[in-house]
C-alpha atoms as a PDB file:
ATOM      1  CA  MET A   1       0.273   0.212  -0.129  1.00  0.00           C
ATOM      2  CA  ARG A   2       1.067   3.478  -0.664  1.00  0.00           C
ATOM      3  CA  ILE A   3      -0.401   6.208   1.808  1.00  0.00           C
ATOM      4  CA  LYS A   4      -0.532   9.815   0.387  1.00  0.00           C
ATOM      5  CA  GLN A   5      -2.347  12.944   2.293  1.00  0.00           C
ATOM      6  CA  GLN A   6      -4.577  14.873   0.247  1.00  0.00           C
ATOM      7  CA  ALA A   7      -4.627  18.657   0.120  1.00  0.00           C
ATOM      8  CA  PRO A   8      -5.888  20.585   3.501  1.00  0.00           C
ATOM      9  CA  LEU A   9      -9.359  20.772   3.433  1.00  0.00           C
ATOM     10  CA  ALA A  10     -11.373  24.097   4.713  1.00  0.00           C
ATOM     11  CA  ALA A  11     -12.841  21.548   7.341  1.00  0.00           C
ATOM     12  CA  PRO A  12     -12.559  21.550  10.761  1.00  0.00           C
ATOM     13  CA  GLY A  13      -9.302  20.004  11.313  1.00  0.00           C
ATOM     14  CA  ILE A  14      -9.736  16.834   9.546  1.00  0.00           C
ATOM     15  CA  GLU A  15      -6.804  15.338   7.591  1.00  0.00           C
ATOM     16  CA  LEU A  16      -7.588  12.864   4.677  1.00  0.00           C
ATOM     17  CA  TRP A  17      -5.134  10.064   3.652  1.00  0.00           C
ATOM     18  CA  LEU A  18      -5.234   8.258   0.264  1.00  0.00           C
ATOM     19  CA  VAL A  19      -4.383   4.918   0.416  1.00  0.00           C
ATOM     20  CA  ASP A  20      -3.707   2.634  -3.024  1.00  0.00           C
ATOM     21  CA  LEU A  21      -3.821  -0.637  -1.669  1.00  0.00           C
ATOM     22  CA  GLU A  22      -2.262  -2.503  -4.235  1.00  0.00           C
ATOM     23  CA  VAL A  23       1.161  -1.113  -4.442  1.00  0.00           C
ATOM     24  CA  PRO A  24       3.787  -1.906  -1.941  1.00  0.00           C
ATOM     25  CA  ALA A  25       4.332   0.808   0.553  1.00  0.00           C
ATOM     26  CA  ARG A  26       8.261   1.507   1.132  1.00  0.00           C
ATOM     27  CA  GLU A  27       9.583   0.783   4.579  1.00  0.00           C
ATOM     28  CA  HIS A  28       9.352   4.381   5.812  1.00  0.00           C
ATOM     29  CA  GLU A  29       5.440   4.159   5.189  1.00  0.00           C
ATOM     30  CA  ALA A  30       3.890   1.212   6.832  1.00  0.00           C
ATOM     31  CA  PRO A  31       4.411  -2.714   7.683  1.00  0.00           C
ATOM     32  CA  ALA A  32       3.586  -5.177   5.342  1.00  0.00           C
ATOM     33  CA  PRO A  33      -0.202  -5.446   4.972  1.00  0.00           C
ATOM     34  CA  GLY A  34      -2.002  -7.594   8.539  1.00  0.00           C
ATOM     35  CA  ASP A  35       1.350  -7.262  11.304  1.00  0.00           C
ATOM     36  CA  TRP A  36      -0.378  -4.564  12.970  1.00  0.00           C
ATOM     37  CA  LEU A  37      -3.916  -6.583  13.151  1.00  0.00           C
ATOM     38  CA  ASP A  38      -6.206  -7.782  16.035  1.00  0.00           C
ATOM     39  CA  ASP A  39      -7.540 -11.074  15.930  1.00  0.00           C
ATOM     40  CA  ALA A  40     -10.547  -9.609  14.878  1.00  0.00           C
ATOM     41  CA  GLU A  41      -9.009  -8.263  12.311  1.00  0.00           C
ATOM     42  CA  ARG A  42      -7.104 -10.957  10.859  1.00  0.00           C
ATOM     43  CA  ALA A  43     -10.343 -13.549  11.531  1.00  0.00           C
ATOM     44  CA  ARG A  44     -12.471 -11.296   9.308  1.00  0.00           C
ATOM     45  CA  ALA A  45      -9.550 -10.929   5.994  1.00  0.00           C
ATOM     46  CA  ALA A  46      -9.624 -15.025   6.440  1.00  0.00           C
ATOM     47  CA  ARG A  47     -13.310 -15.093   5.817  1.00  0.00           C
ATOM     48  CA  PHE A  48     -12.778 -13.403   1.978  1.00  0.00           C
ATOM     49  CA  HIS A  49     -13.096 -15.765  -0.437  1.00  0.00           C
ATOM     50  CA  PHE A  50     -10.471 -13.857  -3.169  1.00  0.00           C
ATOM     51  CA  GLU A  51      -7.016 -13.830  -1.329  1.00  0.00           C
ATOM     52  CA  ARG A  52      -7.179 -10.076  -3.555  1.00  0.00           C
ATOM     53  CA  ASP A  53     -10.098  -8.874  -1.377  1.00  0.00           C
ATOM     54  CA  ALA A  54      -8.240 -10.012   1.551  1.00  0.00           C
ATOM     55  CA  HIS A  55      -5.448  -8.511   1.366  1.00  0.00           C
ATOM     56  CA  ARG A  56      -6.659  -5.192   0.656  1.00  0.00           C
ATOM     57  CA  TYR A  57      -8.671  -5.378   3.754  1.00  0.00           C
ATOM     58  CA  ARG A  58      -5.703  -6.119   5.733  1.00  0.00           C
ATOM     59  CA  ALA A  59      -3.909  -3.507   3.581  1.00  0.00           C
ATOM     60  CA  SER A  60      -6.923  -1.015   4.965  1.00  0.00           C
ATOM     61  CA  HIS A  61      -6.870  -1.855   7.905  1.00  0.00           C
ATOM     62  CA  SER A  62      -3.016  -1.619   8.624  1.00  0.00           C
ATOM     63  CA  ALA A  63      -2.879   1.649   7.061  1.00  0.00           C
ATOM     64  CA  LEU A  64      -5.643   3.143   8.985  1.00  0.00           C
ATOM     65  CA  ARG A  65      -3.784   1.723  12.058  1.00  0.00           C
ATOM     66  CA  HIS A  66      -0.439   3.456  11.495  1.00  0.00           C
ATOM     67  CA  LEU A  67      -2.327   6.636  11.220  1.00  0.00           C
ATOM     68  CA  LEU A  68      -3.983   6.381  14.253  1.00  0.00           C
ATOM     69  CA  ALA A  69      -0.745   5.402  15.464  1.00  0.00           C
ATOM     70  CA  GLN A  70       0.726   8.539  14.066  1.00  0.00           C
ATOM     71  CA  ARG A  71      -1.925  11.029  15.919  1.00  0.00           C
ATOM     72  CA  THR A  72      -2.398   9.426  19.278  1.00  0.00           C
ATOM     73  CA  GLY A  73       1.096   8.079  20.075  1.00  0.00           C
ATOM     74  CA  VAL A  74      -0.240   4.742  20.816  1.00  0.00           C
ATOM     75  CA  ALA A  75       2.026   1.855  18.971  1.00  0.00           C
ATOM     76  CA  ALA A  76      -0.689   0.344  16.404  1.00  0.00           C
ATOM     77  CA  ALA A  77      -0.565  -2.978  17.359  1.00  0.00           C
ATOM     78  CA  SER A  78      -1.900  -1.798  20.431  1.00  0.00           C
ATOM     79  CA  LEU A  79      -5.084   0.238  19.275  1.00  0.00           C
ATOM     80  CA  ARG A  80      -8.442  -1.050  20.537  1.00  0.00           C
ATOM     81  CA  PHE A  81     -11.700  -0.402  18.784  1.00  0.00           C
ATOM     82  CA  GLY A  82     -15.141  -0.328  19.939  1.00  0.00           C
ATOM     83  CA  ALA A  83     -18.735   0.839  17.761  1.00  0.00           C
ATOM     84  CA  GLY A  84     -21.282   2.709  18.020  1.00  0.00           C
ATOM     85  CA  SER A  85     -24.934   1.634  17.750  1.00  0.00           C
ATOM     86  CA  HIS A  86     -25.300   1.364  14.385  1.00  0.00           C
ATOM     87  CA  ASP A  87     -21.010  -0.367  13.918  1.00  0.00           C
ATOM     88  CA  LYS A  88     -19.456   2.827  13.469  1.00  0.00           C
ATOM     89  CA  PRO A  89     -16.026   2.347  14.771  1.00  0.00           C
ATOM     90  CA  ARG A  90     -14.277   4.540  17.131  1.00  0.00           C
ATOM     91  CA  LEU A  91     -11.327   4.395  19.209  1.00  0.00           C
ATOM     92  CA  ASP A  92     -11.388   3.128  23.040  1.00  0.00           C
ATOM     93  CA  LEU A  93      -9.149   5.972  24.203  1.00  0.00           C
ATOM     94  CA  PRO A  94      -9.640   9.036  26.331  1.00  0.00           C
ATOM     95  CA  GLY A  95      -9.762  11.996  23.834  1.00  0.00           C
ATOM     96  CA  ALA A  96      -9.479   9.856  20.447  1.00  0.00           C
ATOM     97  CA  PRO A  97     -10.137  11.664  17.680  1.00  0.00           C
ATOM     98  CA  ALA A  98     -12.993  11.129  15.536  1.00  0.00           C
ATOM     99  CA  PHE A  99     -12.068   8.707  12.239  1.00  0.00           C
ATOM    100  CA  ASN A 100     -13.858   7.062   9.423  1.00  0.00           C
ATOM    101  CA  MET A 101     -12.897   4.735   6.725  1.00  0.00           C
ATOM    102  CA  SER A 102     -13.798   4.040   3.223  1.00  0.00           C
ATOM    103  CA  HIS A 103     -12.489   2.096   0.569  1.00  0.00           C
ATOM    104  CA  SER A 104     -13.633   1.022  -3.103  1.00  0.00           C
ATOM    105  CA  GLY A 105     -11.401  -1.449  -5.386  1.00  0.00           C
ATOM    106  CA  ARG A 106      -7.867  -0.465  -4.631  1.00  0.00           C
ATOM    107  CA  TRP A 107      -8.735   2.716  -3.127  1.00  0.00           C
ATOM    108  CA  ALA A 108      -9.101   3.418   0.603  1.00  0.00           C
ATOM    109  CA  LEU A 109      -9.955   6.965   1.799  1.00  0.00           C
ATOM    110  CA  ILE A 110      -9.226   7.913   5.946  1.00  0.00           C
ATOM    111  CA  GLY A 111     -10.322  10.855   7.577  1.00  0.00           C
ATOM    112  CA  ILE A 112      -8.649  11.891  11.291  1.00  0.00           C
ATOM    113  CA  GLY A 113     -10.146  14.849  12.553  1.00  0.00           C
ATOM    114  CA  GLY A 114     -10.822  16.066  16.112  1.00  0.00           C
ATOM    115  CA  GLN A 115     -13.726  15.842  18.476  1.00  0.00           C
ATOM    116  CA  THR A 116     -15.995  16.478  15.270  1.00  0.00           C
ATOM    117  CA  PRO A 117     -18.062  13.325  13.988  1.00  0.00           C
ATOM    118  CA  ILE A 118     -16.822  12.854  10.456  1.00  0.00           C
ATOM    119  CA  GLY A 119     -17.617  10.389   7.488  1.00  0.00           C
ATOM    120  CA  VAL A 120     -15.732   9.896   4.520  1.00  0.00           C
ATOM    121  CA  ASP A 121     -16.716   7.954   1.101  1.00  0.00           C
ATOM    122  CA  ILE A 122     -15.290   6.871  -1.777  1.00  0.00           C
ATOM    123  CA  GLU A 123     -16.364   5.402  -4.884  1.00  0.00           C
ATOM    124  CA  ALA A 124     -14.495   4.010  -8.043  1.00  0.00           C
ATOM    125  CA  PRO A 125     -16.893   3.796 -11.197  1.00  0.00           C
ATOM    126  CA  ARG A 126     -18.094   0.879 -12.242  1.00  0.00           C
ATOM    127  CA  GLU A 127     -21.009   0.119 -14.823  1.00  0.00           C
ATOM    128  CA  MET A 128     -24.357  -0.395 -12.943  1.00  0.00           C
ATOM    129  CA  GLY A 129     -27.752  -0.567 -14.345  1.00  0.00           C
ATOM    130  CA  GLU A 130     -30.537   1.032 -13.800  1.00  0.00           C
ATOM    131  CA  LEU A 131     -29.307   3.897 -13.095  1.00  0.00           C
ATOM    132  CA  MET A 132     -32.221   6.374 -12.864  1.00  0.00           C
ATOM    133  CA  ALA A 133     -34.084   3.728 -10.749  1.00  0.00           C
ATOM    134  CA  LEU A 134     -31.602   3.413  -8.128  1.00  0.00           C
ATOM    135  CA  ALA A 135     -31.405   7.459  -8.340  1.00  0.00           C
ATOM    136  CA  GLU A 136     -35.510   7.788  -7.706  1.00  0.00           C
ATOM    137  CA  ARG A 137     -35.103   5.093  -4.752  1.00  0.00           C
ATOM    138  CA  ASN A 138     -32.294   6.605  -3.326  1.00  0.00           C
ATOM    139  CA  PHE A 139     -31.843  10.781  -4.520  1.00  0.00           C
ATOM    140  CA  THR A 140     -34.420  13.392  -3.960  1.00  0.00           C
ATOM    141  CA  ALA A 141     -36.409  14.929  -6.510  1.00  0.00           C
ATOM    142  CA  THR A 142     -33.857  17.961  -7.180  1.00  0.00           C
ATOM    143  CA  GLU A 143     -31.078  15.894  -7.399  1.00  0.00           C
ATOM    144  CA  CYS A 144     -32.854  13.184  -9.945  1.00  0.00           C
ATOM    145  CA  ARG A 145     -33.783  16.475 -12.202  1.00  0.00           C
ATOM    146  CA  GLU A 146     -30.264  17.295 -12.061  1.00  0.00           C
ATOM    147  CA  LEU A 147     -28.988  13.836 -13.271  1.00  0.00           C
ATOM    148  CA  LEU A 148     -31.464  13.899 -15.750  1.00  0.00           C
ATOM    149  CA  ALA A 149     -29.932  17.411 -17.157  1.00  0.00           C
ATOM    150  CA  LEU A 150     -26.985  15.705 -17.661  1.00  0.00           C
ATOM    151  CA  PRO A 151     -26.052  14.037 -21.193  1.00  0.00           C
ATOM    152  CA  GLU A 152     -26.056   9.859 -20.173  1.00  0.00           C
ATOM    153  CA  ALA A 153     -22.751   9.773 -20.597  1.00  0.00           C
ATOM    154  CA  GLY A 154     -22.076  12.228 -17.487  1.00  0.00           C
ATOM    155  CA  ARG A 155     -24.494  10.496 -15.341  1.00  0.00           C
ATOM    156  CA  LEU A 156     -22.672   7.989 -13.684  1.00  0.00           C
ATOM    157  CA  ARG A 157     -20.470  10.219 -12.233  1.00  0.00           C
ATOM    158  CA  ALA A 158     -22.690  12.225 -10.702  1.00  0.00           C
ATOM    159  CA  PHE A 159     -24.537   9.843  -9.699  1.00  0.00           C
ATOM    160  CA  LEU A 160     -21.581   8.372  -8.115  1.00  0.00           C
ATOM    161  CA  ARG A 161     -20.471  11.806  -6.024  1.00  0.00           C
ATOM    162  CA  CYS A 162     -24.157  11.867  -5.016  1.00  0.00           C
ATOM    163  CA  TRP A 163     -23.612   8.700  -3.398  1.00  0.00           C
ATOM    164  CA  THR A 164     -20.636   9.384  -2.079  1.00  0.00           C
ATOM    165  CA  ARG A 165     -21.391  12.509  -0.430  1.00  0.00           C
ATOM    166  CA  LYS A 166     -24.716  10.932   1.080  1.00  0.00           C
ATOM    167  CA  GLU A 167     -23.085   7.828   2.783  1.00  0.00           C
ATOM    168  CA  ALA A 168     -20.423  10.414   4.112  1.00  0.00           C
ATOM    169  CA  CYS A 169     -23.045  12.208   5.532  1.00  0.00           C
ATOM    170  CA  LEU A 170     -24.973   9.132   7.204  1.00  0.00           C
ATOM    171  CA  LYS A 171     -21.387   7.943   8.685  1.00  0.00           C
ATOM    172  CA  ALA A 172     -20.452  11.236  10.031  1.00  0.00           C
ATOM    173  CA  ILE A 173     -23.790  10.646  11.970  1.00  0.00           C
ATOM    174  CA  GLY A 174     -22.953   7.269  12.568  1.00  0.00           C
ATOM    175  CA  SER A 175     -26.221   6.184  11.127  1.00  0.00           C
ATOM    176  CA  GLY A 176     -25.553   4.011   7.954  1.00  0.00           C
ATOM    177  CA  LEU A 177     -28.450   3.291   6.002  1.00  0.00           C
ATOM    178  CA  SER A 178     -30.969   3.204   9.188  1.00  0.00           C
ATOM    179  CA  ILE A 179     -31.579   7.339   7.642  1.00  0.00           C
ATOM    180  CA  GLU A 180     -32.883   6.828   4.253  1.00  0.00           C
ATOM    181  CA  PRO A 181     -30.735   8.937   1.707  1.00  0.00           C
ATOM    182  CA  GLY A 182     -33.633  10.054   0.201  1.00  0.00           C
ATOM    183  CA  LEU A 183     -34.758  12.392   2.625  1.00  0.00           C
ATOM    184  CA  PHE A 184     -31.831  15.042   2.504  1.00  0.00           C
ATOM    185  CA  GLU A 185     -30.241  16.909  -0.480  1.00  0.00           C
ATOM    186  CA  ALA A 186     -26.439  16.510  -0.417  1.00  0.00           C
ATOM    187  CA  GLY A 187     -26.219  17.457  -4.247  1.00  0.00           C
ATOM    188  CA  THR A 188     -24.580  16.172  -7.770  1.00  0.00           C
ATOM    189  CA  THR A 189     -21.975  19.297  -7.696  1.00  0.00           C
ATOM    190  CA  PRO A 190     -18.989  19.056  -6.099  1.00  0.00           C
ATOM    191  CA  GLU A 191     -19.306  22.133  -3.795  1.00  0.00           C
ATOM    192  CA  GLN A 192     -19.360  22.423  -0.221  1.00  0.00           C
ATOM    193  CA  ARG A 193     -22.786  22.957   1.697  1.00  0.00           C
ATOM    194  CA  THR A 194     -24.786  22.568   4.506  1.00  0.00           C
ATOM    195  CA  THR A 195     -27.655  20.405   4.820  1.00  0.00           C
ATOM    196  CA  THR A 196     -30.213  19.240   7.210  1.00  0.00           C
ATOM    197  CA  VAL A 197     -30.510  15.277   8.003  1.00  0.00           C
ATOM    198  CA  PRO A 198     -33.575  13.944  10.343  1.00  0.00           C
ATOM    199  CA  VAL A 199     -32.167  12.451  13.097  1.00  0.00           C
ATOM    200  CA  SER A 200     -34.524  11.081  15.786  1.00  0.00           C
ATOM    201  CA  GLY A 201     -37.033  13.554  15.162  1.00  0.00           C
ATOM    202  CA  GLN A 202     -34.315  16.803  15.340  1.00  0.00           C
ATOM    203  CA  ALA A 203     -32.776  18.092  12.372  1.00  0.00           C
ATOM    204  CA  CYS A 204     -29.002  17.982  12.008  1.00  0.00           C
ATOM    205  CA  GLN A 205     -27.280  20.080  10.515  1.00  0.00           C
ATOM    206  CA  VAL A 206     -24.316  18.566   8.305  1.00  0.00           C
ATOM    207  CA  THR A 207     -21.610  20.121   5.622  1.00  0.00           C
ATOM    208  CA  VAL A 208     -20.707  18.353   3.010  1.00  0.00           C
ATOM    209  CA  LEU A 209     -17.626  18.621   0.235  1.00  0.00           C
ATOM    210  CA  SER A 210     -16.381  16.207  -2.697  1.00  0.00           C
ATOM    211  CA  VAL A 211     -13.102  15.866  -2.390  1.00  0.00           C
ATOM    212  CA  ASP A 212     -10.796  15.781  -5.639  1.00  0.00           C
ATOM    213  CA  VAL A 213      -8.541  12.131  -5.099  1.00  0.00           C
ATOM    214  CA  ASP A 214      -7.975   9.840  -7.690  1.00  0.00           C
ATOM    215  CA  ARG A 215      -9.212  10.245 -11.721  1.00  0.00           C
ATOM    216  CA  GLU A 216     -10.249   6.701 -10.802  1.00  0.00           C
ATOM    217  CA  ALA A 217     -12.353   7.021  -7.932  1.00  0.00           C
ATOM    218  CA  LEU A 218     -15.151   9.888  -6.700  1.00  0.00           C
ATOM    219  CA  ALA A 219     -15.317  10.648  -2.742  1.00  0.00           C
ATOM    220  CA  ALA A 220     -16.932  13.017  -0.575  1.00  0.00           C
ATOM    221  CA  VAL A 221     -16.263  14.039   3.137  1.00  0.00           C
ATOM    222  CA  ALA A 222     -18.895  15.089   5.726  1.00  0.00           C
ATOM    223  CA  TRP A 223     -18.814  16.455   9.578  1.00  0.00           C
ATOM    224  CA  LEU A 224     -21.387  17.323  11.828  1.00  0.00           C
ATOM    225  CA  GLU A 225     -22.110  21.430  12.449  1.00  0.00           C
ATOM    226  CA  PRO A 226     -21.067  22.525  16.244  1.00  0.00           C
ATOM    227  CA  GLY A 227     -24.907  22.055  17.108  1.00  0.00           C
ATOM    228  CA  SER A 228     -25.594  19.279  15.922  1.00  0.00           C
ATOM    229  CA  ARG A 229     -22.948  16.532  17.509  1.00  0.00           C
ATOM    230  CA  HIS A 230     -24.953  15.185  20.088  1.00  0.00           C
ATOM    231  CA  LEU A 231     -27.131  13.595  17.205  1.00  0.00           C
ATOM    232  CA  ALA A 232     -23.965  11.414  16.147  1.00  0.00           C
ATOM    233  CA  PHE A 233     -24.759   7.836  17.222  1.00  0.00           C
END
């Protein structure tokens, strides 16, 4: 794997790291994938049918431990993780930084922040059937109109851009798809925007931004605004 920090964001202390899971790391970057993993991570990697997928899992989780160790000063192999009510990982460490990870194909995206809940998502473009039908089930009416206004050749990337933005928002909240993605606007364009997501009958303010990572992938990062942090799961 090769770990590359992305350009600084206009975001509250969030660092983004792009990991190429199929490029061997130099010695100073990280150890061989799997060296720092705990028993649960190794067991999960062993359940993958294809070795390529197992390698990507080991590499992404090793990269996450490497970066969190640098941030916290705790040895990578000693880091312990818990999970929120919808399985969003967190560090079992007093004052631990918020973090999130996403992977798709050969790429992983890792976000590390301060105490603000954050979410990231990355998607490698792939052929998708019934694109507009998927959009109608998951996007707002405005987002669907934005897709339809585009030439057909440009719809896939716009769809994935919107999807990464919605996923990043829901991952920042920690809800996963227990909140329907069609209930809030994330947009099909890359600009930063603050949207309102309904959480437990309350309005949660989430800011989302598309990120340039690699021409082969689309990505987004999101974070909860200060008045909404108590709504994170």
